Amino acid sequence: MFKLEFIKDKVEFFESEKLADLEKKISEQIEINKAILLEVHSVSHQMHVSEEGRRFYSAAVHFKAK
């Protein structure tokens, strides 16, 4: 028996040392998730500065079924 189940919710995490790279990773994943009928529900992001002054960016993106 073949049973097909759809993903209704999905949370993905991204990280990068450059904000532009983080945005690019998220945009690419948005396009991929559109193919499985998921759209962005919310985005949460943070920036951390290390003791050496280097910035580190992270984001959590919550996708939901259309």
PDB file of N, CA and C in Angstrom:
ATOM      1  N   MET A   1       0.844  -1.177   0.000  1.00  0.00           N
ATOM      2  CA  MET A   1       0.000   0.000   0.000  1.00  0.00           C
ATOM      3  C   MET A   1       0.894   1.246   0.000  1.00  0.00           C
ATOM      4  N   PHE A   2       0.564   2.193  -0.823  1.00  0.00           N
ATOM      5  CA  PHE A   2       1.316   3.434  -0.943  1.00  0.00           C
ATOM      6  C   PHE A   2       0.538   4.548  -0.245  1.00  0.00           C
ATOM      7  N   LYS A   3       1.174   5.157   0.735  1.00  0.00           N
ATOM      8  CA  LYS A   3       0.521   6.227   1.489  1.00  0.00           C
ATOM      9  C   LYS A   3       1.354   7.499   1.358  1.00  0.00           C
ATOM     10  N   LEU A   4       0.713   8.569   0.975  1.00  0.00           N
ATOM     11  CA  LEU A   4       1.383   9.843   0.772  1.00  0.00           C
ATOM     12  C   LEU A   4       1.003  10.804   1.892  1.00  0.00           C
ATOM     13  N   GLU A   5       2.011  11.319   2.606  1.00  0.00           N
ATOM     14  CA  GLU A   5       1.755  12.291   3.662  1.00  0.00           C
ATOM     15  C   GLU A   5       2.445  13.599   3.310  1.00  0.00           C
ATOM     16  N   PHE A   6       1.782  14.689   3.591  1.00  0.00           N
ATOM     17  CA  PHE A   6       2.314  15.998   3.283  1.00  0.00           C
ATOM     18  C   PHE A   6       2.918  16.629   4.534  1.00  0.00           C
ATOM     19  N   ILE A   7       3.970  17.370   4.331  1.00  0.00           N
ATOM     20  CA  ILE A   7       4.578  18.126   5.424  1.00  0.00           C
ATOM     21  C   ILE A   7       3.723  19.371   5.650  1.00  0.00           C
ATOM     22  N   LYS A   8       3.311  19.589   6.893  1.00  0.00           N
ATOM     23  CA  LYS A   8       2.469  20.747   7.196  1.00  0.00           C
ATOM     24  C   LYS A   8       3.254  21.860   7.882  1.00  0.00           C
ATOM     25  N   ASP A   9       4.254  21.484   8.654  1.00  0.00           N
ATOM     26  CA  ASP A   9       5.107  22.435   9.371  1.00  0.00           C
ATOM     27  C   ASP A   9       6.550  21.966   9.269  1.00  0.00           C
ATOM     28  N   LYS A  10       7.439  22.945   9.161  1.00  0.00           N
ATOM     29  CA  LYS A  10       8.862  22.616   9.068  1.00  0.00           C
ATOM     30  C   LYS A  10       9.645  23.827   9.565  1.00  0.00           C
ATOM     31  N   VAL A  11      10.614  23.595  10.450  1.00  0.00           N
ATOM     32  CA  VAL A  11      11.469  24.669  10.937  1.00  0.00           C
ATOM     33  C   VAL A  11      12.891  24.354  10.493  1.00  0.00           C
ATOM     34  N   GLU A  12      13.537  25.337   9.883  1.00  0.00           N
ATOM     35  CA  GLU A  12      14.910  25.154   9.422  1.00  0.00           C
ATOM     36  C   GLU A  12      15.789  26.234  10.037  1.00  0.00           C
ATOM     37  N   PHE A  13      17.040  25.866  10.295  1.00  0.00           N
ATOM     38  CA  PHE A  13      17.996  26.763  10.930  1.00  0.00           C
ATOM     39  C   PHE A  13      19.142  27.063   9.974  1.00  0.00           C
ATOM     40  N   PHE A  14      19.587  28.314   9.994  1.00  0.00           N
ATOM     41  CA  PHE A  14      20.646  28.768   9.104  1.00  0.00           C
ATOM     42  C   PHE A  14      21.660  29.563   9.910  1.00  0.00           C
ATOM     43  N   GLU A  15      22.920  29.548   9.449  1.00  0.00           N
ATOM     44  CA  GLU A  15      23.954  30.336  10.116  1.00  0.00           C
ATOM     45  C   GLU A  15      25.021  30.751   9.117  1.00  0.00           C
ATOM     46  N   SER A  16      25.659  31.876   9.396  1.00  0.00           N
ATOM     47  CA  SER A  16      26.697  32.394   8.519  1.00  0.00           C
ATOM     48  C   SER A  16      27.454  33.513   9.230  1.00  0.00           C
ATOM     49  N   GLU A  17      28.655  33.762   8.753  1.00  0.00           N
ATOM     50  CA  GLU A  17      29.437  34.881   9.283  1.00  0.00           C
ATOM     51  C   GLU A  17      29.133  36.177   8.542  1.00  0.00           C
ATOM     52  N   LYS A  18      28.431  36.085   7.413  1.00  0.00           N
ATOM     53  CA  LYS A  18      28.062  37.274   6.638  1.00  0.00           C
ATOM     54  C   LYS A  18      26.553  37.314   6.469  1.00  0.00           C
ATOM     55  N   LEU A  19      25.964  38.479   6.697  1.00  0.00           N
ATOM     56  CA  LEU A  19      24.529  38.634   6.595  1.00  0.00           C
ATOM     57  C   LEU A  19      24.035  38.335   5.178  1.00  0.00           C
ATOM     58  N   ALA A  20      24.760  38.778   4.174  1.00  0.00           N
ATOM     59  CA  ALA A  20      24.359  38.541   2.787  1.00  0.00           C
ATOM     60  C   ALA A  20      24.319  37.041   2.474  1.00  0.00           C
ATOM     61  N   ASP A  21      25.268  36.280   3.015  1.00  0.00           N
ATOM     62  CA  ASP A  21      25.279  34.829   2.801  1.00  0.00           C
ATOM     63  C   ASP A  21      24.087  34.163   3.492  1.00  0.00           C
ATOM     64  N   LEU A  22      23.749  34.649   4.670  1.00  0.00           N
ATOM     65  CA  LEU A  22      22.599  34.107   5.396  1.00  0.00           C
ATOM     66  C   LEU A  22      21.314  34.353   4.600  1.00  0.00           C
ATOM     67  N   GLU A  23      21.156  35.562   4.089  1.00  0.00           N
ATOM     68  CA  GLU A  23      19.979  35.900   3.283  1.00  0.00           C
ATOM     69  C   GLU A  23      19.898  35.027   2.043  1.00  0.00           C
ATOM     70  N   LYS A  24      21.035  34.766   1.417  1.00  0.00           N
ATOM     71  CA  LYS A  24      21.075  33.929   0.211  1.00  0.00           C
ATOM     72  C   LYS A  24      20.653  32.497   0.539  1.00  0.00           C
ATOM     73  N   LYS A  25      21.160  31.938   1.634  1.00  0.00           N
ATOM     74  CA  LYS A  25      20.794  30.574   2.043  1.00  0.00           C
ATOM     75  C   LYS A  25      19.289  30.465   2.288  1.00  0.00           C
ATOM     76  N   ILE A  26      18.737  31.447   2.970  1.00  0.00           N
ATOM     77  CA  ILE A  26      17.302  31.431   3.275  1.00  0.00           C
ATOM     78  C   ILE A  26      16.484  31.550   1.995  1.00  0.00           C
ATOM     79  N   SER A  27      16.865  32.442   1.107  1.00  0.00           N
ATOM     80  CA  SER A  27      16.141  32.625  -0.162  1.00  0.00           C
ATOM     81  C   SER A  27      16.145  31.353  -0.999  1.00  0.00           C
ATOM     82  N   GLU A  28      17.286  30.689  -1.050  1.00  0.00           N
ATOM     83  CA  GLU A  28      17.379  29.438  -1.809  1.00  0.00           C
ATOM     84  C   GLU A  28      16.451  28.381  -1.219  1.00  0.00           C
ATOM     85  N   GLN A  29      16.388  28.296   0.111  1.00  0.00           N
ATOM     86  CA  GLN A  29      15.534  27.298   0.746  1.00  0.00           C
ATOM     87  C   GLN A  29      14.061  27.635   0.582  1.00  0.00           C
ATOM     88  N   ILE A  30      13.728  28.914   0.542  1.00  0.00           N
ATOM     89  CA  ILE A  30      12.337  29.316   0.296  1.00  0.00           C
ATOM     90  C   ILE A  30      11.890  28.790  -1.056  1.00  0.00           C
ATOM     91  N   GLU A  31      12.726  28.924  -2.072  1.00  0.00           N
ATOM     92  CA  GLU A  31      12.391  28.436  -3.417  1.00  0.00           C
ATOM     93  C   GLU A  31      12.218  26.925  -3.425  1.00  0.00           C
ATOM     94  N   ILE A  32      13.084  26.215  -2.733  1.00  0.00           N
ATOM     95  CA  ILE A  32      12.990  24.753  -2.658  1.00  0.00           C
ATOM     96  C   ILE A  32      11.684  24.343  -1.971  1.00  0.00           C
ATOM     97  N   ASN A  33      11.347  25.020  -0.881  1.00  0.00           N
ATOM     98  CA  ASN A  33      10.141  24.661  -0.134  1.00  0.00           C
ATOM     99  C   ASN A  33       8.855  25.033  -0.854  1.00  0.00           C
ATOM    100  N   LYS A  34       8.926  25.989  -1.766  1.00  0.00           N
ATOM    101  CA  LYS A  34       7.745  26.309  -2.575  1.00  0.00           C
ATOM    102  C   LYS A  34       7.316  25.100  -3.397  1.00  0.00           C
ATOM    103  N   ALA A  35       8.283  24.298  -3.818  1.00  0.00           N
ATOM    104  CA  ALA A  35       7.994  23.115  -4.628  1.00  0.00           C
ATOM    105  C   ALA A  35       7.185  22.084  -3.848  1.00  0.00           C
ATOM    106  N   ILE A  36       7.305  22.077  -2.527  1.00  0.00           N
ATOM    107  CA  ILE A  36       6.517  21.148  -1.707  1.00  0.00           C
ATOM    108  C   ILE A  36       5.387  21.887  -0.979  1.00  0.00           C
ATOM    109  N   LEU A  37       5.009  23.027  -1.556  1.00  0.00           N
ATOM    110  CA  LEU A  37       3.853  23.817  -1.120  1.00  0.00           C
ATOM    111  C   LEU A  37       3.961  24.354   0.302  1.00  0.00           C
ATOM    112  N   LEU A  38       5.157  24.754   0.693  1.00  0.00           N
ATOM    113  CA  LEU A  38       5.353  25.398   1.985  1.00  0.00           C
ATOM    114  C   LEU A  38       5.698  26.861   1.773  1.00  0.00           C
ATOM    115  N   GLU A  39       5.194  27.705   2.636  1.00  0.00           N
ATOM    116  CA  GLU A  39       5.532  29.126   2.573  1.00  0.00           C
ATOM    117  C   GLU A  39       6.033  29.568   3.943  1.00  0.00           C
ATOM    118  N   VAL A  40       6.714  30.701   3.972  1.00  0.00           N
ATOM    119  CA  VAL A  40       7.281  31.218   5.217  1.00  0.00           C
ATOM    120  C   VAL A  40       6.158  31.695   6.129  1.00  0.00           C
ATOM    121  N   HIS A  41       6.181  31.199   7.356  1.00  0.00           N
ATOM    122  CA  HIS A  41       5.210  31.630   8.370  1.00  0.00           C
ATOM    123  C   HIS A  41       5.853  32.681   9.281  1.00  0.00           C
ATOM    124  N   SER A  42       7.110  32.441   9.677  1.00  0.00           N
ATOM    125  CA  SER A  42       7.804  33.416  10.515  1.00  0.00           C
ATOM    126  C   SER A  42       9.312  33.216  10.412  1.00  0.00           C
ATOM    127  N   VAL A  43      10.028  34.274  10.747  1.00  0.00           N
ATOM    128  CA  VAL A  43      11.488  34.248  10.741  1.00  0.00           C
ATOM    129  C   VAL A  43      11.969  34.864  12.048  1.00  0.00           C
ATOM    130  N   SER A  44      12.925  34.205  12.670  1.00  0.00           N
ATOM    131  CA  SER A  44      13.545  34.700  13.892  1.00  0.00           C
ATOM    132  C   SER A  44      15.049  34.728  13.649  1.00  0.00           C
ATOM    133  N   HIS A  45      15.705  35.817  14.018  1.00  0.00           N
ATOM    134  CA  HIS A  45      17.136  35.896  13.734  1.00  0.00           C
ATOM    135  C   HIS A  45      17.887  36.517  14.908  1.00  0.00           C
ATOM    136  N   GLN A  46      19.187  36.219  14.955  1.00  0.00           N
ATOM    137  CA  GLN A  46      20.043  36.759  16.003  1.00  0.00           C
ATOM    138  C   GLN A  46      21.419  37.067  15.435  1.00  0.00           C
ATOM    139  N   MET A  47      22.124  37.959  16.113  1.00  0.00           N
ATOM    140  CA  MET A  47      23.507  38.254  15.777  1.00  0.00           C
ATOM    141  C   MET A  47      24.326  38.160  17.053  1.00  0.00           C
ATOM    142  N   HIS A  48      25.459  37.529  16.948  1.00  0.00           N
ATOM    143  CA  HIS A  48      26.361  37.385  18.088  1.00  0.00           C
ATOM    144  C   HIS A  48      27.708  37.988  17.706  1.00  0.00           C
ATOM    145  N   VAL A  49      28.319  38.731  18.600  1.00  0.00           N
ATOM    146  CA  VAL A  49      29.655  39.281  18.376  1.00  0.00           C
ATOM    147  C   VAL A  49      30.618  38.561  19.315  1.00  0.00           C
ATOM    148  N   SER A  50      31.636  37.942  18.734  1.00  0.00           N
ATOM    149  CA  SER A  50      32.603  37.199  19.545  1.00  0.00           C
ATOM    150  C   SER A  50      33.534  38.163  20.279  1.00  0.00           C
ATOM    151  N   GLU A  51      34.344  37.623  21.175  1.00  0.00           N
ATOM    152  CA  GLU A  51      35.296  38.443  21.921  1.00  0.00           C
ATOM    153  C   GLU A  51      36.300  39.117  20.994  1.00  0.00           C
ATOM    154  N   GLU A  52      36.542  38.501  19.843  1.00  0.00           N
ATOM    155  CA  GLU A  52      37.469  39.079  18.857  1.00  0.00           C
ATOM    156  C   GLU A  52      36.795  40.121  17.974  1.00  0.00           C
ATOM    157  N   GLY A  53      35.496  40.340  18.168  1.00  0.00           N
ATOM    158  CA  GLY A  53      34.775  41.340  17.385  1.00  0.00           C
ATOM    159  C   GLY A  53      34.163  40.796  16.107  1.00  0.00           C
ATOM    160  N   ARG A  54      34.233  39.482  15.879  1.00  0.00           N
ATOM    161  CA  ARG A  54      33.641  38.887  14.672  1.00  0.00           C
ATOM    162  C   ARG A  54      32.143  38.699  14.880  1.00  0.00           C
ATOM    163  N   ARG A  55      31.392  38.987  13.848  1.00  0.00           N
ATOM    164  CA  ARG A  55      29.934  38.837  13.905  1.00  0.00           C
ATOM    165  C   ARG A  55      29.528  37.466  13.381  1.00  0.00           C
ATOM    166  N   PHE A  56      28.488  36.920  13.993  1.00  0.00           N
ATOM    167  CA  PHE A  56      27.955  35.626  13.599  1.00  0.00           C
ATOM    168  C   PHE A  56      26.433  35.751  13.552  1.00  0.00           C
ATOM    169  N   TYR A  57      25.837  35.405  12.426  1.00  0.00           N
ATOM    170  CA  TYR A  57      24.400  35.542  12.225  1.00  0.00           C
ATOM    171  C   TYR A  57      23.735  34.175  12.186  1.00  0.00           C
ATOM    172  N   SER A  58      22.539  34.070  12.769  1.00  0.00           N
ATOM    173  CA  SER A  58      21.765  32.833  12.690  1.00  0.00           C
ATOM    174  C   SER A  58      20.288  33.187  12.543  1.00  0.00           C
ATOM    175  N   ALA A  59      19.543  32.235  11.964  1.00  0.00           N
ATOM    176  CA  ALA A  59      18.114  32.456  11.779  1.00  0.00           C
ATOM    177  C   ALA A  59      17.389  31.117  11.833  1.00  0.00           C
ATOM    178  N   ALA A  60      16.154  31.174  12.327  1.00  0.00           N
ATOM    179  CA  ALA A  60      15.230  30.042  12.306  1.00  0.00           C
ATOM    180  C   ALA A  60      14.044  30.471  11.453  1.00  0.00           C
ATOM    181  N   VAL A  61      13.717  29.663  10.460  1.00  0.00           N
ATOM    182  CA  VAL A  61      12.607  29.982   9.560  1.00  0.00           C
ATOM    183  C   VAL A  61      11.542  28.890   9.713  1.00  0.00           C
ATOM    184  N   HIS A  62      10.319  29.319  10.029  1.00  0.00           N
ATOM    185  CA  HIS A  62       9.208  28.394  10.205  1.00  0.00           C
ATOM    186  C   HIS A  62       8.399  28.414   8.911  1.00  0.00           C
ATOM    187  N   PHE A  63       8.310  27.251   8.265  1.00  0.00           N
ATOM    188  CA  PHE A  63       7.528  27.107   7.038  1.00  0.00           C
ATOM    189  C   PHE A  63       6.230  26.384   7.380  1.00  0.00           C
ATOM    190  N   LYS A  64       5.131  26.772   6.729  1.00  0.00           N
ATOM    191  CA  LYS A  64       3.833  26.128   6.917  1.00  0.00           C
ATOM    192  C   LYS A  64       3.210  25.846   5.551  1.00  0.00           C
ATOM    193  N   ALA A  65       2.345  24.847   5.514  1.00  0.00           N
ATOM    194  CA  ALA A  65       1.648  24.514   4.279  1.00  0.00           C
ATOM    195  C   ALA A  65       0.729  25.661   3.867  1.00  0.00           C
ATOM    196  N   LYS A  66       0.604  25.865   2.581  1.00  0.00           N
ATOM    197  CA  LYS A  66      -0.265  26.929   2.051  1.00  0.00           C
ATOM    198  C   LYS A  66      -1.706  26.623   2.318  1.00  0.00           C
TER     199      LYS A  66
END
